[in-house]
């Protein structure tokens, strides 16, 4: 099972998630949407000037950025990296 490297950035009203590849981004978005029952999230897109992929999930009252990072770090396939999602090249 391959590790998915994930970076997170707090955008105030949403969280930007950045991952290595399209299949990994799609898998992670599906896992997060099932876990948190999102009513909306942005489509997975290729990050500008990068081979990485990004998507945004809404900031929810009970889901702080720190809590999101804790939940991501607890996922077996996920390796949370500390670099900001907009400044990392995975």
PDB file of N, CA and C in Angstrom:
ATOM      1  N   UNK A   1       0.843  -1.174   0.000  1.00  0.00           N
ATOM      2  CA  UNK A   1       0.000   0.000   0.000  1.00  0.00           C
ATOM      3  C   UNK A   1       0.892   1.242   0.000  1.00  0.00           C
ATOM      4  N   UNK A   2       0.695   2.108  -0.969  1.00  0.00           N
ATOM      5  CA  UNK A   2       1.514   3.294  -1.129  1.00  0.00           C
ATOM      6  C   UNK A   2       1.066   4.409  -0.185  1.00  0.00           C
ATOM      7  N   UNK A   3       2.030   5.137   0.371  1.00  0.00           N
ATOM      8  CA  UNK A   3       1.745   6.263   1.249  1.00  0.00           C
ATOM      9  C   UNK A   3       1.360   7.477   0.416  1.00  0.00           C
ATOM     10  N   UNK A   4       0.365   8.201   0.888  1.00  0.00           N
ATOM     11  CA  UNK A   4      -0.082   9.429   0.242  1.00  0.00           C
ATOM     12  C   UNK A   4       0.445  10.601   1.060  1.00  0.00           C
ATOM     13  N   UNK A   5       1.299  11.425   0.433  1.00  0.00           N
ATOM     14  CA  UNK A   5       1.814  12.605   1.116  1.00  0.00           C
ATOM     15  C   UNK A   5       0.813  13.736   0.937  1.00  0.00           C
ATOM     16  N   UNK A   6       0.428  14.351   2.057  1.00  0.00           N
ATOM     17  CA  UNK A   6      -0.632  15.357   2.055  1.00  0.00           C
ATOM     18  C   UNK A   6      -0.150  16.629   2.746  1.00  0.00           C
ATOM     19  N   UNK A   7      -0.447  17.766   2.126  1.00  0.00           N
ATOM     20  CA  UNK A   7      -0.202  19.075   2.734  1.00  0.00           C
ATOM     21  C   UNK A   7      -1.548  19.774   2.872  1.00  0.00           C
ATOM     22  N   UNK A   8      -1.704  20.558   3.940  1.00  0.00           N
ATOM     23  CA  UNK A   8      -2.963  21.256   4.225  1.00  0.00           C
ATOM     24  C   UNK A   8      -2.672  22.734   4.459  1.00  0.00           C
ATOM     25  N   UNK A   9      -3.524  23.587   3.896  1.00  0.00           N
ATOM     26  CA  UNK A   9      -3.446  25.018   4.177  1.00  0.00           C
ATOM     27  C   UNK A   9      -4.819  25.533   4.574  1.00  0.00           C
ATOM     28  N   UNK A  10      -4.852  26.312   5.643  1.00  0.00           N
ATOM     29  CA  UNK A  10      -6.093  26.932   6.131  1.00  0.00           C
ATOM     30  C   UNK A  10      -6.363  28.190   5.312  1.00  0.00           C
ATOM     31  N   UNK A  11      -7.511  28.233   4.635  1.00  0.00           N
ATOM     32  CA  UNK A  11      -7.901  29.387   3.826  1.00  0.00           C
ATOM     33  C   UNK A  11      -9.011  30.194   4.508  1.00  0.00           C
ATOM     34  N   UNK A  12      -9.197  30.031   5.778  1.00  0.00           N
ATOM     35  CA  UNK A  12     -10.237  30.667   6.602  1.00  0.00           C
ATOM     36  C   UNK A  12     -11.599  30.003   6.440  1.00  0.00           C
ATOM     37  N   UNK A  13     -12.173  30.021   5.240  1.00  0.00           N
ATOM     38  CA  UNK A  13     -13.490  29.415   5.046  1.00  0.00           C
ATOM     39  C   UNK A  13     -13.413  28.032   4.400  1.00  0.00           C
ATOM     40  N   UNK A  14     -12.190  27.587   4.117  1.00  0.00           N
ATOM     41  CA  UNK A  14     -11.983  26.270   3.506  1.00  0.00           C
ATOM     42  C   UNK A  14     -10.557  25.817   3.818  1.00  0.00           C
ATOM     43  N   UNK A  15     -10.290  24.542   3.533  1.00  0.00           N
ATOM     44  CA  UNK A  15      -8.947  23.993   3.673  1.00  0.00           C
ATOM     45  C   UNK A  15      -8.486  23.493   2.307  1.00  0.00           C
ATOM     46  N   UNK A  16      -7.299  23.907   1.918  1.00  0.00           N
ATOM     47  CA  UNK A  16      -6.706  23.458   0.660  1.00  0.00           C
ATOM     48  C   UNK A  16      -5.876  22.221   0.950  1.00  0.00           C
ATOM     49  N   UNK A  17      -6.173  21.143   0.240  1.00  0.00           N
ATOM     50  CA  UNK A  17      -5.473  19.872   0.403  1.00  0.00           C
ATOM     51  C   UNK A  17      -4.671  19.618  -0.872  1.00  0.00           C
ATOM     52  N   UNK A  18      -3.393  19.259  -0.707  1.00  0.00           N
ATOM     53  CA  UNK A  18      -2.518  19.000  -1.853  1.00  0.00           C
ATOM     54  C   UNK A  18      -1.927  17.603  -1.720  1.00  0.00           C
ATOM     55  N   UNK A  19      -1.980  16.831  -2.824  1.00  0.00           N
ATOM     56  CA  UNK A  19      -1.457  15.456  -2.827  1.00  0.00           C
ATOM     57  C   UNK A  19      -0.662  15.206  -4.098  1.00  0.00           C
ATOM     58  N   UNK A  20       0.013  14.046  -4.147  1.00  0.00           N
ATOM     59  CA  UNK A  20       0.927  13.701  -5.237  1.00  0.00           C
ATOM     60  C   UNK A  20       0.276  13.435  -6.582  1.00  0.00           C
ATOM     61  N   UNK A  21      -0.876  12.782  -6.599  1.00  0.00           N
ATOM     62  CA  UNK A  21      -1.418  12.332  -7.881  1.00  0.00           C
ATOM     63  C   UNK A  21      -2.939  12.418  -7.904  1.00  0.00           C
ATOM     64  N   UNK A  22      -3.498  12.337  -9.097  1.00  0.00           N
ATOM     65  CA  UNK A  22      -4.949  12.401  -9.268  1.00  0.00           C
ATOM     66  C   UNK A  22      -5.661  11.229  -8.579  1.00  0.00           C
ATOM     67  N   UNK A  23      -5.216   9.990  -8.756  1.00  0.00           N
ATOM     68  CA  UNK A  23      -5.907   8.884  -8.066  1.00  0.00           C
ATOM     69  C   UNK A  23      -5.874   9.040  -6.542  1.00  0.00           C
ATOM     70  N   UNK A  24      -4.742   9.500  -6.005  1.00  0.00           N
ATOM     71  CA  UNK A  24      -4.637   9.687  -4.561  1.00  0.00           C
ATOM     72  C   UNK A  24      -5.537  10.821  -4.086  1.00  0.00           C
ATOM     73  N   UNK A  25      -5.603  11.913  -4.848  1.00  0.00           N
ATOM     74  CA  UNK A  25      -6.475  13.035  -4.492  1.00  0.00           C
ATOM     75  C   UNK A  25      -7.933  12.604  -4.519  1.00  0.00           C
ATOM     76  N   UNK A  26      -8.314  11.851  -5.534  1.00  0.00           N
ATOM     77  CA  UNK A  26      -9.684  11.370  -5.657  1.00  0.00           C
ATOM     78  C   UNK A  26     -10.033  10.435  -4.505  1.00  0.00           C
ATOM     79  N   UNK A  27      -9.119   9.529  -4.179  1.00  0.00           N
ATOM     80  CA  UNK A  27      -9.333   8.601  -3.063  1.00  0.00           C
ATOM     81  C   UNK A  27      -9.495   9.364  -1.751  1.00  0.00           C
ATOM     82  N   UNK A  28      -8.593  10.328  -1.498  1.00  0.00           N
ATOM     83  CA  UNK A  28      -8.634  11.071  -0.246  1.00  0.00           C
ATOM     84  C   UNK A  28      -9.897  11.919  -0.147  1.00  0.00           C
ATOM     85  N   UNK A  29     -10.287  12.571  -1.215  1.00  0.00           N
ATOM     86  CA  UNK A  29     -11.509  13.379  -1.196  1.00  0.00           C
ATOM     87  C   UNK A  29     -12.728  12.507  -0.888  1.00  0.00           C
ATOM     88  N   UNK A  30     -12.787  11.320  -1.488  1.00  0.00           N
ATOM     89  CA  UNK A  30     -13.903  10.408  -1.214  1.00  0.00           C
ATOM     90  C   UNK A  30     -13.912   9.974   0.251  1.00  0.00           C
ATOM     91  N   UNK A  31     -12.744   9.641   0.799  1.00  0.00           N
ATOM     92  CA  UNK A  31     -12.663   9.246   2.216  1.00  0.00           C
ATOM     93  C   UNK A  31     -13.103  10.378   3.131  1.00  0.00           C
ATOM     94  N   UNK A  32     -12.623  11.583   2.858  1.00  0.00           N
ATOM     95  CA  UNK A  32     -12.990  12.735   3.688  1.00  0.00           C
ATOM     96  C   UNK A  32     -14.471  13.066   3.576  1.00  0.00           C
ATOM     97  N   UNK A  33     -15.010  12.985   2.375  1.00  0.00           N
ATOM     98  CA  UNK A  33     -16.427  13.328   2.205  1.00  0.00           C
ATOM     99  C   UNK A  33     -17.326  12.320   2.915  1.00  0.00           C
ATOM    100  N   UNK A  34     -16.935  11.045   2.926  1.00  0.00           N
ATOM    101  CA  UNK A  34     -17.714  10.045   3.664  1.00  0.00           C
ATOM    102  C   UNK A  34     -17.585  10.238   5.175  1.00  0.00           C
ATOM    103  N   UNK A  35     -16.405  10.597   5.615  1.00  0.00           N
ATOM    104  CA  UNK A  35     -16.177  10.767   7.048  1.00  0.00           C
ATOM    105  C   UNK A  35     -16.877  12.004   7.609  1.00  0.00           C
ATOM    106  N   UNK A  36     -16.924  13.067   6.818  1.00  0.00           N
ATOM    107  CA  UNK A  36     -17.450  14.333   7.318  1.00  0.00           C
ATOM    108  C   UNK A  36     -18.773  14.737   6.691  1.00  0.00           C
ATOM    109  N   UNK A  37     -19.274  13.966   5.758  1.00  0.00           N
ATOM    110  CA  UNK A  37     -20.535  14.228   5.070  1.00  0.00           C
ATOM    111  C   UNK A  37     -20.578  15.662   4.521  1.00  0.00           C
ATOM    112  N   UNK A  38     -19.619  15.977   3.658  1.00  0.00           N
ATOM    113  CA  UNK A  38     -19.605  17.287   3.012  1.00  0.00           C
ATOM    114  C   UNK A  38     -20.790  17.407   2.089  1.00  0.00           C
ATOM    115  N   UNK A  39     -21.365  18.571   2.037  1.00  0.00           N
ATOM    116  CA  UNK A  39     -22.401  18.835   1.049  1.00  0.00           C
ATOM    117  C   UNK A  39     -21.759  19.374  -0.225  1.00  0.00           C
ATOM    118  N   UNK A  40     -20.533  19.888  -0.101  1.00  0.00           N
ATOM    119  CA  UNK A  40     -19.827  20.402  -1.279  1.00  0.00           C
ATOM    120  C   UNK A  40     -18.329  20.349  -1.029  1.00  0.00           C
ATOM    121  N   UNK A  41     -17.595  20.296  -2.096  1.00  0.00           N
ATOM    122  CA  UNK A  41     -16.133  20.380  -2.095  1.00  0.00           C
ATOM    123  C   UNK A  41     -15.734  20.760  -3.509  1.00  0.00           C
ATOM    124  N   UNK A  42     -14.576  21.367  -3.646  1.00  0.00           N
ATOM    125  CA  UNK A  42     -14.145  21.721  -4.995  1.00  0.00           C
ATOM    126  C   UNK A  42     -13.707  20.475  -5.745  1.00  0.00           C
ATOM    127  N   UNK A  43     -13.689  20.570  -7.052  1.00  0.00           N
ATOM    128  CA  UNK A  43     -13.187  19.475  -7.877  1.00  0.00           C
ATOM    129  C   UNK A  43     -11.680  19.362  -7.690  1.00  0.00           C
ATOM    130  N   UNK A  44     -11.159  18.165  -7.884  1.00  0.00           N
ATOM    131  CA  UNK A  44      -9.721  17.960  -7.855  1.00  0.00           C
ATOM    132  C   UNK A  44      -9.136  18.609  -9.103  1.00  0.00           C
ATOM    133  N   UNK A  45      -8.080  19.400  -8.903  1.00  0.00           N
ATOM    134  CA  UNK A  45      -7.442  20.104 -10.008  1.00  0.00           C
ATOM    135  C   UNK A  45      -5.939  19.937  -9.935  1.00  0.00           C
ATOM    136  N   UNK A  46      -5.285  20.048 -11.091  1.00  0.00           N
ATOM    137  CA  UNK A  46      -3.826  20.062 -11.095  1.00  0.00           C
ATOM    138  C   UNK A  46      -3.374  21.404 -10.542  1.00  0.00           C
ATOM    139  N   UNK A  47      -2.408  21.383  -9.632  1.00  0.00           N
ATOM    140  CA  UNK A  47      -1.887  22.611  -9.040  1.00  0.00           C
ATOM    141  C   UNK A  47      -1.079  23.373 -10.087  1.00  0.00           C
ATOM    142  N   UNK A  48      -1.241  24.677 -10.121  1.00  0.00           N
ATOM    143  CA  UNK A  48      -0.536  25.517 -11.090  1.00  0.00           C
ATOM    144  C   UNK A  48       0.973  25.338 -10.949  1.00  0.00           C
ATOM    145  N   UNK A  49       1.629  25.086 -12.072  1.00  0.00           N
ATOM    146  CA  UNK A  49       3.080  24.948 -12.089  1.00  0.00           C
ATOM    147  C   UNK A  49       3.612  23.747 -11.344  1.00  0.00           C
ATOM    148  N   UNK A  50       2.816  22.698 -11.217  1.00  0.00           N
ATOM    149  CA  UNK A  50       3.208  21.539 -10.416  1.00  0.00           C
ATOM    150  C   UNK A  50       2.604  20.270 -11.002  1.00  0.00           C
ATOM    151  N   UNK A  51       3.119  19.149 -10.577  1.00  0.00           N
ATOM    152  CA  UNK A  51       2.537  17.857 -10.933  1.00  0.00           C
ATOM    153  C   UNK A  51       1.556  17.377  -9.868  1.00  0.00           C
ATOM    154  N   UNK A  52       1.401  18.153  -8.811  1.00  0.00           N
ATOM    155  CA  UNK A  52       0.523  17.798  -7.701  1.00  0.00           C
ATOM    156  C   UNK A  52      -0.930  18.150  -8.018  1.00  0.00           C
ATOM    157  N   UNK A  53      -1.830  17.637  -7.181  1.00  0.00           N
ATOM    158  CA  UNK A  53      -3.260  17.905  -7.327  1.00  0.00           C
ATOM    159  C   UNK A  53      -3.801  18.490  -6.035  1.00  0.00           C
ATOM    160  N   UNK A  54      -4.778  19.379  -6.180  1.00  0.00           N
ATOM    161  CA  UNK A  54      -5.367  20.031  -5.023  1.00  0.00           C
ATOM    162  C   UNK A  54      -6.884  19.958  -5.072  1.00  0.00           C
ATOM    163  N   UNK A  55      -7.487  20.097  -3.896  1.00  0.00           N
ATOM    164  CA  UNK A  55      -8.925  20.301  -3.781  1.00  0.00           C
ATOM    165  C   UNK A  55      -9.166  21.043  -2.481  1.00  0.00           C
ATOM    166  N   UNK A  56     -10.326  21.677  -2.384  1.00  0.00           N
ATOM    167  CA  UNK A  56     -10.696  22.394  -1.170  1.00  0.00           C
ATOM    168  C   UNK A  56     -11.897  21.720  -0.530  1.00  0.00           C
ATOM    169  N   UNK A  57     -11.856  21.679   0.780  1.00  0.00           N
ATOM    170  CA  UNK A  57     -13.020  21.215   1.536  1.00  0.00           C
ATOM    171  C   UNK A  57     -13.475  22.369   2.424  1.00  0.00           C
ATOM    172  N   UNK A  58     -14.762  22.452   2.712  1.00  0.00           N
ATOM    173  CA  UNK A  58     -15.252  23.575   3.506  1.00  0.00           C
ATOM    174  C   UNK A  58     -14.787  23.484   4.954  1.00  0.00           C
ATOM    175  N   UNK A  59     -14.516  24.635   5.535  1.00  0.00           N
ATOM    176  CA  UNK A  59     -14.234  24.696   6.971  1.00  0.00           C
ATOM    177  C   UNK A  59     -15.575  24.592   7.690  1.00  0.00           C
ATOM    178  N   UNK A  60     -15.664  23.675   8.590  1.00  0.00           N
ATOM    179  CA  UNK A  60     -16.886  23.458   9.349  1.00  0.00           C
ATOM    180  C   UNK A  60     -16.664  23.920  10.782  1.00  0.00           C
ATOM    181  N   UNK A  61     -17.716  24.332  11.483  1.00  0.00           N
ATOM    182  CA  UNK A  61     -17.536  24.846  12.853  1.00  0.00           C
ATOM    183  C   UNK A  61     -16.777  23.893  13.775  1.00  0.00           C
ATOM    184  N   UNK A  62     -16.968  22.616  13.636  1.00  0.00           N
ATOM    185  CA  UNK A  62     -16.336  21.635  14.514  1.00  0.00           C
ATOM    186  C   UNK A  62     -15.018  21.091  13.955  1.00  0.00           C
ATOM    187  N   UNK A  63     -14.645  21.514  12.740  1.00  0.00           N
ATOM    188  CA  UNK A  63     -13.440  20.982  12.092  1.00  0.00           C
ATOM    189  C   UNK A  63     -12.396  22.082  11.934  1.00  0.00           C
ATOM    190  N   UNK A  64     -11.550  22.230  12.930  1.00  0.00           N
ATOM    191  CA  UNK A  64     -10.459  23.189  12.836  1.00  0.00           C
ATOM    192  C   UNK A  64      -9.364  22.609  11.945  1.00  0.00           C
ATOM    193  N   UNK A  65      -8.438  23.447  11.532  1.00  0.00           N
ATOM    194  CA  UNK A  65      -7.322  22.964  10.721  1.00  0.00           C
ATOM    195  C   UNK A  65      -6.493  21.948  11.500  1.00  0.00           C
ATOM    196  N   UNK A  66      -6.260  22.213  12.773  1.00  0.00           N
ATOM    197  CA  UNK A  66      -5.503  21.259  13.589  1.00  0.00           C
ATOM    198  C   UNK A  66      -6.228  19.921  13.695  1.00  0.00           C
ATOM    199  N   UNK A  67      -7.543  19.961  13.854  1.00  0.00           N
ATOM    200  CA  UNK A  67      -8.327  18.715  13.945  1.00  0.00           C
ATOM    201  C   UNK A  67      -8.278  17.951  12.624  1.00  0.00           C
ATOM    202  N   UNK A  68      -8.379  18.679  11.509  1.00  0.00           N
ATOM    203  CA  UNK A  68      -8.278  18.044  10.191  1.00  0.00           C
ATOM    204  C   UNK A  68      -6.923  17.361  10.036  1.00  0.00           C
ATOM    205  N   UNK A  69      -5.865  18.035  10.440  1.00  0.00           N
ATOM    206  CA  UNK A  69      -4.527  17.446  10.351  1.00  0.00           C
ATOM    207  C   UNK A  69      -4.411  16.199  11.219  1.00  0.00           C
ATOM    208  N   UNK A  70      -4.999  16.235  12.398  1.00  0.00           N
ATOM    209  CA  UNK A  70      -4.997  15.048  13.269  1.00  0.00           C
ATOM    210  C   UNK A  70      -5.712  13.883  12.597  1.00  0.00           C
ATOM    211  N   UNK A  71      -6.858  14.167  12.001  1.00  0.00           N
ATOM    212  CA  UNK A  71      -7.628  13.111  11.335  1.00  0.00           C
ATOM    213  C   UNK A  71      -6.879  12.555  10.125  1.00  0.00           C
ATOM    214  N   UNK A  72      -6.245  13.428   9.354  1.00  0.00           N
ATOM    215  CA  UNK A  72      -5.467  12.966   8.208  1.00  0.00           C
ATOM    216  C   UNK A  72      -4.283  12.115   8.662  1.00  0.00           C
ATOM    217  N   UNK A  73      -3.581  12.576   9.686  1.00  0.00           N
ATOM    218  CA  UNK A  73      -2.412  11.839  10.185  1.00  0.00           C
ATOM    219  C   UNK A  73      -2.789  10.462  10.732  1.00  0.00           C
ATOM    220  N   UNK A  74      -4.026  10.307  11.173  1.00  0.00           N
ATOM    221  CA  UNK A  74      -4.485   9.021  11.709  1.00  0.00           C
ATOM    222  C   UNK A  74      -4.871   8.029  10.615  1.00  0.00           C
ATOM    223  N   UNK A  75      -5.004   8.486   9.379  1.00  0.00           N
ATOM    224  CA  UNK A  75      -5.354   7.573   8.278  1.00  0.00           C
ATOM    225  C   UNK A  75      -4.128   6.729   7.921  1.00  0.00           C
ATOM    226  N   UNK A  76      -4.314   5.423   7.772  1.00  0.00           N
ATOM    227  CA  UNK A  76      -3.186   4.521   7.543  1.00  0.00           C
ATOM    228  C   UNK A  76      -2.336   4.855   6.319  1.00  0.00           C
ATOM    229  N   UNK A  77      -2.920   5.305   5.241  1.00  0.00           N
ATOM    230  CA  UNK A  77      -2.165   5.561   4.013  1.00  0.00           C
ATOM    231  C   UNK A  77      -1.600   6.969   3.930  1.00  0.00           C
ATOM    232  N   UNK A  78      -1.964   7.846   4.844  1.00  0.00           N
ATOM    233  CA  UNK A  78      -1.631   9.264   4.725  1.00  0.00           C
ATOM    234  C   UNK A  78      -0.395   9.626   5.539  1.00  0.00           C
ATOM    235  N   UNK A  79       0.497  10.369   4.906  1.00  0.00           N
ATOM    236  CA  UNK A  79       1.651  10.956   5.577  1.00  0.00           C
ATOM    237  C   UNK A  79       1.505  12.465   5.462  1.00  0.00           C
ATOM    238  N   UNK A  80       1.218  13.106   6.578  1.00  0.00           N
ATOM    239  CA  UNK A  80       1.010  14.543   6.591  1.00  0.00           C
ATOM    240  C   UNK A  80       2.364  15.242   6.592  1.00  0.00           C
ATOM    241  N   UNK A  81       2.555  16.154   5.644  1.00  0.00           N
ATOM    242  CA  UNK A  81       3.797  16.918   5.602  1.00  0.00           C
ATOM    243  C   UNK A  81       3.509  18.328   6.093  1.00  0.00           C
ATOM    244  N   UNK A  82       4.515  18.983   6.631  1.00  0.00           N
ATOM    245  CA  UNK A  82       4.299  20.262   7.296  1.00  0.00           C
ATOM    246  C   UNK A  82       4.321  21.466   6.365  1.00  0.00           C
ATOM    247  N   UNK A  83       4.784  21.309   5.150  1.00  0.00           N
ATOM    248  CA  UNK A  83       4.836  22.443   4.224  1.00  0.00           C
ATOM    249  C   UNK A  83       3.443  22.908   3.857  1.00  0.00           C
ATOM    250  N   UNK A  84       3.259  24.216   3.670  1.00  0.00           N
ATOM    251  CA  UNK A  84       1.928  24.719   3.264  1.00  0.00           C
ATOM    252  C   UNK A  84       1.513  24.131   1.924  1.00  0.00           C
ATOM    253  N   UNK A  85       0.250  23.922   1.747  1.00  0.00           N
ATOM    254  CA  UNK A  85      -0.267  23.302   0.527  1.00  0.00           C
ATOM    255  C   UNK A  85       0.055  24.104  -0.719  1.00  0.00           C
ATOM    256  N   UNK A  86       0.168  25.419  -0.627  1.00  0.00           N
ATOM    257  CA  UNK A  86       0.441  26.231  -1.804  1.00  0.00           C
ATOM    258  C   UNK A  86       1.931  26.327  -2.110  1.00  0.00           C
ATOM    259  N   UNK A  87       2.787  25.954  -1.179  1.00  0.00           N
ATOM    260  CA  UNK A  87       4.210  26.153  -1.385  1.00  0.00           C
ATOM    261  C   UNK A  87       5.001  24.854  -1.481  1.00  0.00           C
ATOM    262  N   UNK A  88       4.322  23.732  -1.507  1.00  0.00           N
ATOM    263  CA  UNK A  88       5.017  22.455  -1.499  1.00  0.00           C
ATOM    264  C   UNK A  88       5.022  21.845  -2.895  1.00  0.00           C
ATOM    265  N   UNK A  89       6.115  21.235  -3.244  1.00  0.00           N
ATOM    266  CA  UNK A  89       6.179  20.425  -4.447  1.00  0.00           C
ATOM    267  C   UNK A  89       6.446  19.017  -3.989  1.00  0.00           C
ATOM    268  N   UNK A  90       5.422  18.204  -3.991  1.00  0.00           N
ATOM    269  CA  UNK A  90       5.530  16.838  -3.461  1.00  0.00           C
ATOM    270  C   UNK A  90       6.299  15.943  -4.388  1.00  0.00           C
TER     271      UNK A  90
END
